[in-house]
Amino acid sequence: MLARCENPRARSYENYGGRGIKVCPEWHDVTAFITWIETNLGPRPDGMTLDRIDVNGNYEPGNVRWATAIEQRRNRRSRQKIAA
């Protein structure tokens, strides 16, 4: 999450940090991040990973949830190119 949002050398940076997606300052502290997630979302259920509800929004309270791979694929930007 931090690498793809803040490290221009990260493989996925252009799709995250390069688009302006950020991680809220409080979550730069791993302990604070884990505490928030466990308190608000609960432990990670089997087969799920952290997902942003608004794909154009930041990693921050109120915009994350546990989601399956299928749910995450449905919740992504369109990659279709429109011919002129």
N, C-alpha and C. Protein backbone atom coordinates (compact mmCIF):
# COMPACT_ATOMS: atom_id res chain seq x y z
N MET A 1 0.84 -1.18 0.00
CA MET A 1 0.00 0.00 0.00
C MET A 1 0.88 1.25 0.00
N LEU A 2 1.82 1.32 0.93
CA LEU A 2 2.69 2.49 0.98
C LEU A 2 3.59 2.57 -0.24
N ALA A 3 4.17 1.45 -0.64
CA ALA A 3 5.09 1.46 -1.78
C ALA A 3 4.38 1.91 -3.06
N ARG A 4 3.23 1.31 -3.35
CA ARG A 4 2.57 1.65 -4.61
C ARG A 4 2.02 3.06 -4.62
N CYS A 5 1.81 3.65 -3.45
CA CYS A 5 1.32 5.03 -3.39
C CYS A 5 2.45 6.06 -3.29
N GLU A 6 3.62 5.65 -2.80
CA GLU A 6 4.64 6.65 -2.51
C GLU A 6 6.01 6.40 -3.11
N ASN A 7 6.23 5.24 -3.69
CA ASN A 7 7.54 4.94 -4.25
C ASN A 7 7.45 4.90 -5.77
N PRO A 8 7.96 5.94 -6.44
CA PRO A 8 7.87 5.99 -7.91
C PRO A 8 8.53 4.80 -8.60
N ARG A 9 9.39 4.08 -7.91
CA ARG A 9 10.03 2.90 -8.51
C ARG A 9 9.21 1.62 -8.33
N ALA A 10 8.13 1.69 -7.55
CA ALA A 10 7.28 0.52 -7.33
C ALA A 10 6.55 0.17 -8.63
N ARG A 11 6.36 -1.11 -8.86
CA ARG A 11 5.75 -1.60 -10.10
C ARG A 11 4.37 -0.99 -10.35
N SER A 12 3.56 -0.83 -9.32
CA SER A 12 2.19 -0.34 -9.49
C SER A 12 2.03 1.15 -9.24
N TYR A 13 3.14 1.86 -9.03
CA TYR A 13 3.06 3.27 -8.67
C TYR A 13 2.21 4.09 -9.63
N GLU A 14 2.35 3.89 -10.93
CA GLU A 14 1.61 4.73 -11.89
C GLU A 14 0.10 4.62 -11.72
N ASN A 15 -0.38 3.48 -11.22
CA ASN A 15 -1.81 3.29 -11.02
C ASN A 15 -2.30 3.75 -9.65
N TYR A 16 -1.39 4.14 -8.79
CA TYR A 16 -1.76 4.56 -7.44
C TYR A 16 -1.17 5.95 -7.18
N GLY A 17 0.03 6.02 -6.69
CA GLY A 17 0.65 7.32 -6.40
C GLY A 17 0.72 8.22 -7.61
N GLY A 18 0.95 7.63 -8.77
CA GLY A 18 1.01 8.41 -10.00
C GLY A 18 -0.32 9.04 -10.37
N ARG A 19 -1.42 8.51 -9.84
CA ARG A 19 -2.76 9.09 -10.05
C ARG A 19 -3.17 9.98 -8.89
N GLY A 20 -2.31 10.11 -7.89
CA GLY A 20 -2.64 10.96 -6.75
C GLY A 20 -3.22 10.22 -5.56
N ILE A 21 -3.27 8.88 -5.62
CA ILE A 21 -3.78 8.10 -4.48
C ILE A 21 -2.75 8.17 -3.35
N LYS A 22 -3.22 8.48 -2.16
CA LYS A 22 -2.33 8.62 -0.99
C LYS A 22 -2.77 7.70 0.14
N VAL A 23 -1.89 7.54 1.10
CA VAL A 23 -2.19 6.82 2.35
C VAL A 23 -2.29 7.90 3.42
N CYS A 24 -3.36 7.88 4.21
CA CYS A 24 -3.51 8.92 5.24
C CYS A 24 -2.29 8.91 6.16
N PRO A 25 -1.89 10.08 6.64
CA PRO A 25 -0.68 10.19 7.46
C PRO A 25 -0.65 9.25 8.67
N GLU A 26 -1.78 9.04 9.32
CA GLU A 26 -1.82 8.18 10.51
C GLU A 26 -1.43 6.74 10.18
N TRP A 27 -1.72 6.30 8.97
CA TRP A 27 -1.44 4.90 8.60
C TRP A 27 -0.01 4.66 8.16
N HIS A 28 0.82 5.71 8.19
CA HIS A 28 2.24 5.49 7.95
C HIS A 28 2.88 4.79 9.15
N ASP A 29 2.23 4.87 10.28
CA ASP A 29 2.65 4.14 11.48
C ASP A 29 1.96 2.78 11.43
N VAL A 30 2.74 1.74 11.22
CA VAL A 30 2.18 0.39 11.03
C VAL A 30 1.31 -0.03 12.21
N THR A 31 1.73 0.27 13.42
CA THR A 31 0.96 -0.10 14.60
C THR A 31 -0.40 0.60 14.60
N ALA A 32 -0.42 1.88 14.26
CA ALA A 32 -1.67 2.63 14.21
C ALA A 32 -2.57 2.07 13.10
N PHE A 33 -1.98 1.72 11.97
CA PHE A 33 -2.75 1.15 10.86
C PHE A 33 -3.39 -0.17 11.28
N ILE A 34 -2.61 -1.07 11.83
CA ILE A 34 -3.13 -2.38 12.24
C ILE A 34 -4.21 -2.22 13.30
N THR A 35 -3.98 -1.33 14.26
CA THR A 35 -4.97 -1.09 15.31
C THR A 35 -6.28 -0.59 14.72
N TRP A 36 -6.21 0.37 13.79
CA TRP A 36 -7.42 0.90 13.18
C TRP A 36 -8.16 -0.20 12.42
N ILE A 37 -7.45 -0.95 11.62
CA ILE A 37 -8.07 -2.00 10.81
C ILE A 37 -8.75 -3.03 11.72
N GLU A 38 -8.03 -3.52 12.73
CA GLU A 38 -8.61 -4.55 13.60
C GLU A 38 -9.80 -4.02 14.39
N THR A 39 -9.75 -2.76 14.80
CA THR A 39 -10.85 -2.17 15.56
C THR A 39 -12.08 -1.91 14.69
N ASN A 40 -11.85 -1.45 13.48
CA ASN A 40 -12.95 -1.02 12.63
C ASN A 40 -13.42 -2.03 11.60
N LEU A 41 -12.52 -2.86 11.10
CA LEU A 41 -12.89 -3.86 10.11
C LEU A 41 -12.83 -5.28 10.65
N GLY A 42 -12.12 -5.45 11.74
CA GLY A 42 -11.92 -6.78 12.29
C GLY A 42 -10.75 -7.47 11.62
N PRO A 43 -10.39 -8.65 12.11
CA PRO A 43 -9.28 -9.38 11.51
C PRO A 43 -9.59 -9.72 10.05
N ARG A 44 -8.55 -9.86 9.25
CA ARG A 44 -8.74 -10.17 7.83
C ARG A 44 -9.37 -11.54 7.66
N PRO A 45 -10.54 -11.59 7.04
CA PRO A 45 -11.17 -12.88 6.77
C PRO A 45 -10.37 -13.66 5.72
N ASP A 46 -10.41 -14.96 5.80
CA ASP A 46 -9.74 -15.80 4.81
C ASP A 46 -10.20 -15.43 3.41
N GLY A 47 -9.27 -15.33 2.50
CA GLY A 47 -9.59 -15.06 1.10
C GLY A 47 -9.90 -13.62 0.77
N MET A 48 -9.70 -12.72 1.72
CA MET A 48 -9.99 -11.31 1.47
C MET A 48 -8.75 -10.45 1.67
N THR A 49 -8.73 -9.32 0.97
CA THR A 49 -7.66 -8.34 1.15
C THR A 49 -8.28 -6.96 1.25
N LEU A 50 -7.47 -6.00 1.61
CA LEU A 50 -7.94 -4.63 1.78
C LEU A 50 -8.26 -4.02 0.42
N ASP A 51 -9.39 -3.36 0.33
CA ASP A 51 -9.86 -2.75 -0.92
C ASP A 51 -10.34 -1.34 -0.63
N ARG A 52 -10.12 -0.42 -1.56
CA ARG A 52 -10.67 0.92 -1.44
C ARG A 52 -12.08 0.92 -2.01
N ILE A 53 -13.03 1.46 -1.29
CA ILE A 53 -14.41 1.51 -1.73
C ILE A 53 -14.52 2.43 -2.95
N ASP A 54 -13.96 3.62 -2.85
CA ASP A 54 -13.89 4.55 -3.98
C ASP A 54 -12.52 4.37 -4.61
N VAL A 55 -12.47 3.81 -5.82
CA VAL A 55 -11.19 3.50 -6.45
C VAL A 55 -10.36 4.74 -6.74
N ASN A 56 -10.98 5.89 -6.73
CA ASN A 56 -10.24 7.13 -6.94
C ASN A 56 -9.89 7.83 -5.63
N GLY A 57 -10.31 7.24 -4.52
CA GLY A 57 -10.05 7.82 -3.20
C GLY A 57 -8.77 7.27 -2.59
N ASN A 58 -8.42 7.85 -1.49
CA ASN A 58 -7.19 7.48 -0.77
C ASN A 58 -7.40 6.27 0.14
N TYR A 59 -6.30 5.72 0.59
CA TYR A 59 -6.34 4.72 1.66
C TYR A 59 -6.51 5.52 2.94
N GLU A 60 -7.72 5.51 3.48
CA GLU A 60 -8.03 6.29 4.67
C GLU A 60 -9.28 5.73 5.33
N PRO A 61 -9.50 6.08 6.60
CA PRO A 61 -10.71 5.62 7.27
C PRO A 61 -11.95 6.00 6.46
N GLY A 62 -12.87 5.07 6.38
CA GLY A 62 -14.10 5.30 5.64
C GLY A 62 -14.04 4.91 4.18
N ASN A 63 -12.85 4.61 3.67
CA ASN A 63 -12.73 4.24 2.26
C ASN A 63 -12.06 2.88 2.05
N VAL A 64 -12.04 2.06 3.09
CA VAL A 64 -11.45 0.72 2.95
C VAL A 64 -12.39 -0.33 3.50
N ARG A 65 -12.25 -1.53 2.98
CA ARG A 65 -13.06 -2.67 3.41
C ARG A 65 -12.30 -3.94 3.08
N TRP A 66 -12.77 -5.05 3.62
CA TRP A 66 -12.26 -6.36 3.22
C TRP A 66 -13.05 -6.77 1.99
N ALA A 67 -12.39 -7.30 0.97
CA ALA A 67 -13.08 -7.72 -0.24
C ALA A 67 -12.39 -8.94 -0.84
N THR A 68 -13.18 -9.74 -1.52
CA THR A 68 -12.63 -10.90 -2.24
C THR A 68 -12.00 -10.39 -3.54
N ALA A 69 -11.25 -11.26 -4.19
CA ALA A 69 -10.64 -10.90 -5.48
C ALA A 69 -11.71 -10.54 -6.51
N ILE A 70 -12.82 -11.26 -6.49
CA ILE A 70 -13.91 -10.98 -7.44
C ILE A 70 -14.50 -9.60 -7.17
N GLU A 71 -14.73 -9.27 -5.89
CA GLU A 71 -15.27 -7.95 -5.55
C GLU A 71 -14.31 -6.85 -5.98
N GLN A 72 -13.01 -7.10 -5.80
CA GLN A 72 -12.03 -6.09 -6.19
C GLN A 72 -11.98 -5.90 -7.70
N ARG A 73 -12.11 -6.98 -8.46
CA ARG A 73 -12.13 -6.85 -9.92
C ARG A 73 -13.35 -6.05 -10.39
N ARG A 74 -14.46 -6.19 -9.71
CA ARG A 74 -15.67 -5.43 -10.07
C ARG A 74 -15.55 -3.96 -9.69
N ASN A 75 -14.66 -3.66 -8.75
CA ASN A 75 -14.51 -2.31 -8.21
C ASN A 75 -13.20 -1.71 -8.71
N ARG A 76 -13.09 -1.53 -10.02
CA ARG A 76 -11.87 -0.95 -10.55
C ARG A 76 -12.19 0.00 -11.69
N ARG A 77 -11.22 0.82 -12.02
CA ARG A 77 -11.41 1.77 -13.11
C ARG A 77 -11.54 1.02 -14.43
N SER A 78 -12.28 1.57 -15.33
CA SER A 78 -12.39 1.00 -16.67
C SER A 78 -11.07 1.23 -17.39
N ARG A 79 -10.64 0.22 -18.10
CA ARG A 79 -9.39 0.35 -18.86
C ARG A 79 -9.66 0.39 -20.36
N GLN A 80 -10.90 0.57 -20.73
CA GLN A 80 -11.24 0.61 -22.15
C GLN A 80 -10.77 1.92 -22.75
N LYS A 81 -10.22 1.82 -23.96
CA LYS A 81 -9.83 3.01 -24.69
C LYS A 81 -10.87 3.27 -25.76
N ILE A 82 -11.23 4.51 -25.90
CA ILE A 82 -12.23 4.88 -26.90
C ILE A 82 -11.50 5.44 -28.12
N ALA A 83 -11.78 4.85 -29.27
CA ALA A 83 -11.14 5.31 -30.50
C ALA A 83 -11.78 6.63 -30.93
N ALA A 84 -10.93 7.52 -31.42
CA ALA A 84 -11.43 8.84 -31.86
C ALA A 84 -11.84 8.80 -33.31
